[in-house]
């Protein structure tokens, strides 16, 4: 109830317009992109709480130290130890097998630094679990945000990423100059340029 009230208040005063597809009806990997600002986290919570999505999100393990740990976990956080990233897939699979239903938010363009590629964790998690990928977005040019289409991955990385690139082609993020083109290192040079 409190989350719904906070979400309602946020959307009443925010300069952002929520333009969204319906919430996924089954567990899904939700991409949060372009990820260019700490405000993306607040917007993500507001979307999830408005659409009543039981949400989990991945964050670097240092976000979960000291007093922040209980708060971040209460907000749906799952710590990621970057020295053993394979454990994240195992943990997500275990949660699904335990019957947990949630949208797993992943920001594949990583932290808001200078990167040239997206991280492929979202792709590996979706393939390992059979979860669809929902294309969530923030677009400063239209001041809109929300959930876009849901796609089932084919296993053809280049083809799947071409579909994802096409969707995000006109999405600028909160700080457009920090946007990272949706491209995985696993695609290779020629496939990524297609």
Protein backbone atom coordinates (compact mmCIF):
# COMPACT_ATOMS: atom_id res chain seq x y z
CA UNK A 1 0.00 0.00 0.00
CA UNK A 2 2.78 2.44 0.94
CA UNK A 3 4.66 1.67 -2.26
CA UNK A 4 1.57 2.33 -4.38
CA UNK A 5 1.02 5.67 -2.60
CA UNK A 6 4.65 6.68 -3.11
CA UNK A 7 4.44 5.72 -6.79
CA UNK A 8 1.22 7.70 -7.22
CA UNK A 9 2.83 10.76 -5.62
CA UNK A 10 5.94 10.40 -7.79
CA UNK A 11 3.98 10.25 -11.05
CA UNK A 12 1.80 13.17 -9.96
CA UNK A 13 4.78 15.52 -9.57
CA UNK A 14 7.48 14.03 -11.83
CA UNK A 15 8.26 15.73 -15.13
CA UNK A 16 8.38 12.24 -16.65
CA UNK A 17 5.44 10.63 -18.43
CA UNK A 18 4.84 6.92 -17.92
CA UNK A 19 4.32 5.37 -21.37
CA UNK A 20 4.35 1.63 -20.95
CA UNK A 21 3.28 -1.78 -22.07
CA UNK A 22 1.49 -3.84 -19.39
CA UNK A 23 3.61 -5.50 -16.71
CA UNK A 24 4.89 -8.96 -17.61
CA UNK A 25 2.64 -11.76 -16.36
CA UNK A 26 5.49 -14.17 -15.71
CA UNK A 27 9.06 -13.87 -14.46
CA UNK A 28 11.07 -11.73 -16.88
CA UNK A 29 14.42 -10.04 -17.29
CA UNK A 30 13.71 -6.31 -17.52
CA UNK A 31 16.39 -4.23 -19.19
CA UNK A 32 16.85 -0.75 -17.73
CA UNK A 33 18.44 1.38 -20.45
CA UNK A 34 19.95 3.74 -21.25
CA UNK A 35 21.36 3.84 -17.70
CA UNK A 36 23.00 7.26 -17.41
CA UNK A 37 21.94 8.64 -14.02
CA UNK A 38 21.25 7.68 -10.40
CA UNK A 39 17.71 8.96 -11.05
CA UNK A 40 17.19 5.82 -13.14
CA UNK A 41 16.93 3.85 -9.88
CA UNK A 42 14.14 6.09 -8.54
CA UNK A 43 12.31 5.91 -11.86
CA UNK A 44 12.69 2.11 -11.91
CA UNK A 45 11.15 1.82 -8.44
CA UNK A 46 8.29 4.14 -9.43
CA UNK A 47 7.53 2.06 -12.53
CA UNK A 48 7.64 -1.24 -10.63
CA UNK A 49 5.50 0.04 -7.78
CA UNK A 50 2.95 1.66 -10.13
CA UNK A 51 2.64 -1.52 -12.24
CA UNK A 52 2.79 -3.76 -9.13
CA UNK A 53 5.76 -5.73 -10.39
CA UNK A 54 7.50 -7.78 -7.70
CA UNK A 55 10.96 -6.56 -8.58
CA UNK A 56 14.51 -7.73 -8.06
CA UNK A 57 17.56 -5.91 -9.36
CA UNK A 58 21.26 -6.59 -9.59
CA UNK A 59 23.78 -4.28 -7.95
CA UNK A 60 27.48 -4.36 -7.20
CA UNK A 61 28.09 -6.01 -3.82
CA UNK A 62 29.59 -2.81 -2.35
CA UNK A 63 26.09 -1.26 -2.38
CA UNK A 64 25.06 -3.85 0.22
CA UNK A 65 27.64 -3.05 2.90
CA UNK A 66 26.90 -1.62 6.36
CA UNK A 67 23.53 0.11 6.88
CA UNK A 68 22.72 0.07 3.16
CA UNK A 69 22.53 -3.72 2.96
CA UNK A 70 19.11 -4.22 4.62
CA UNK A 71 17.66 -1.21 2.75
CA UNK A 72 18.92 -2.36 -0.65
CA UNK A 73 17.65 -5.90 -0.07
CA UNK A 74 14.25 -4.54 1.05
CA UNK A 75 14.10 -2.61 -2.23
CA UNK A 76 14.69 -5.86 -4.15
CA UNK A 77 18.46 -5.79 -4.55
CA UNK A 78 20.58 -8.86 -5.23
CA UNK A 79 24.31 -8.25 -4.63
CA UNK A 80 26.67 -9.21 -7.44
CA UNK A 81 30.24 -10.14 -6.59
CA UNK A 82 32.08 -9.18 -9.77
CA UNK A 83 34.83 -11.70 -9.02
CA UNK A 84 32.26 -14.53 -9.42
CA UNK A 85 29.51 -13.28 -11.76
CA UNK A 86 28.44 -16.84 -12.72
CA UNK A 87 26.86 -17.16 -9.28
CA UNK A 88 24.21 -14.60 -10.23
CA UNK A 89 22.72 -16.89 -12.87
CA UNK A 90 22.71 -19.77 -10.37
CA UNK A 91 20.98 -17.63 -7.75
CA UNK A 92 18.29 -16.42 -10.16
CA UNK A 93 17.63 -19.99 -11.34
CA UNK A 94 17.39 -21.16 -7.70
CA UNK A 95 14.89 -18.39 -6.89
CA UNK A 96 12.73 -19.38 -9.86
CA UNK A 97 12.85 -23.07 -8.92
CA UNK A 98 11.78 -22.08 -5.41
CA UNK A 99 8.62 -20.57 -6.92
CA UNK A 100 9.54 -16.91 -6.61
CA UNK A 101 7.89 -14.67 -9.23
CA UNK A 102 9.59 -11.40 -10.07
CA UNK A 103 10.87 -9.05 -12.72
CA UNK A 104 14.67 -8.99 -12.66
CA UNK A 105 15.88 -5.51 -13.59
CA UNK A 106 19.32 -5.44 -15.21
CA UNK A 107 21.22 -2.41 -16.49
CA UNK A 108 23.42 -4.02 -19.14
CA UNK A 109 25.26 -0.83 -19.98
CA UNK A 110 26.71 -1.12 -16.47
CA UNK A 111 27.50 1.81 -14.28
CA UNK A 112 27.25 5.29 -15.64
CA UNK A 113 30.88 5.38 -16.82
CA UNK A 114 32.57 5.28 -20.21
CA UNK A 115 31.79 1.85 -21.63
CA UNK A 116 31.77 0.69 -25.23
CA UNK A 117 29.63 -2.45 -24.83
CA UNK A 118 26.72 -3.78 -22.84
CA UNK A 119 27.39 -6.57 -20.36
CA UNK A 120 25.92 -9.89 -21.49
CA UNK A 121 24.61 -11.04 -18.09
CA UNK A 122 20.99 -10.22 -18.98
CA UNK A 123 21.27 -12.41 -22.07
CA UNK A 124 22.86 -15.33 -20.21
CA UNK A 125 20.27 -15.14 -17.41
CA UNK A 126 17.35 -15.03 -19.86
CA UNK A 127 18.72 -18.00 -21.80
CA UNK A 128 19.45 -20.07 -18.69
CA UNK A 129 16.01 -19.45 -17.19
CA UNK A 130 13.81 -19.19 -20.29
CA UNK A 131 12.64 -15.78 -19.08
CA UNK A 132 11.57 -13.26 -21.73
CA UNK A 133 13.43 -9.95 -22.00
CA UNK A 134 11.33 -6.82 -21.44
CA UNK A 135 12.79 -3.62 -22.88
CA UNK A 136 12.50 -0.93 -20.20
CA UNK A 137 13.59 2.58 -21.09
CA UNK A 138 14.23 6.18 -20.06
CA UNK A 139 14.11 8.79 -22.83
CA UNK A 140 15.05 12.39 -22.04
CA UNK A 141 14.10 13.64 -25.51
CA UNK A 142 10.42 12.79 -24.96
CA UNK A 143 10.56 12.87 -21.12
CA UNK A 144 8.96 9.43 -21.15
CA UNK A 145 9.78 6.15 -19.47
CA UNK A 146 8.25 2.73 -19.04
CA UNK A 147 8.30 -0.81 -20.34
CA UNK A 148 8.48 -1.56 -24.03
CA UNK A 149 7.92 -4.86 -25.80
CA UNK A 150 8.81 -8.27 -24.46
CA UNK A 151 10.99 -10.51 -26.61
CA UNK A 152 11.88 -14.17 -26.46
CA UNK A 153 15.56 -14.70 -27.20
CA UNK A 154 16.32 -16.91 -30.19
CA UNK A 155 19.90 -17.83 -29.24
CA UNK A 156 21.18 -15.95 -32.29
CA UNK A 157 22.96 -13.17 -30.38
CA UNK A 158 23.43 -10.84 -33.37
CA UNK A 159 19.80 -11.15 -34.48
CA UNK A 160 18.47 -10.67 -30.95
CA UNK A 161 20.71 -7.66 -30.38
CA UNK A 162 19.65 -6.14 -33.71
CA UNK A 163 16.05 -6.20 -32.43
CA UNK A 164 17.15 -4.64 -29.14
CA UNK A 165 19.26 -1.99 -30.91
CA UNK A 166 16.32 -1.07 -33.14
CA UNK A 167 14.13 -0.43 -30.09
CA UNK A 168 16.70 1.68 -28.25
CA UNK A 169 17.86 3.60 -31.35
CA UNK A 170 15.84 6.70 -30.44
CA UNK A 171 16.13 6.42 -26.63
CA UNK A 172 18.55 8.95 -25.15
CA UNK A 173 18.64 8.37 -21.39
CA UNK A 174 18.73 11.00 -18.63
CA UNK A 175 22.18 12.20 -19.76
CA UNK A 176 22.21 11.54 -23.53
CA UNK A 177 25.97 12.02 -23.85
CA UNK A 178 26.59 9.00 -21.59
CA UNK A 179 24.43 6.57 -23.58
CA UNK A 180 26.10 3.27 -24.58
CA UNK A 181 25.04 1.64 -27.85
CA UNK A 182 23.39 -1.77 -27.21
CA UNK A 183 26.21 -4.06 -28.33
CA UNK A 184 27.69 -7.19 -26.75
CA UNK A 185 31.32 -8.23 -27.12
CA UNK A 186 30.04 -11.73 -27.97
CA UNK A 187 28.53 -10.42 -31.22
CA UNK A 188 31.86 -9.75 -32.90
CA UNK A 189 32.65 -6.73 -35.03
CA UNK A 190 30.73 -7.55 -38.22
CA UNK A 191 27.55 -8.74 -36.50
CA UNK A 192 27.39 -5.72 -34.24
CA UNK A 193 27.59 -3.34 -37.18
CA UNK A 194 24.69 -5.01 -38.99
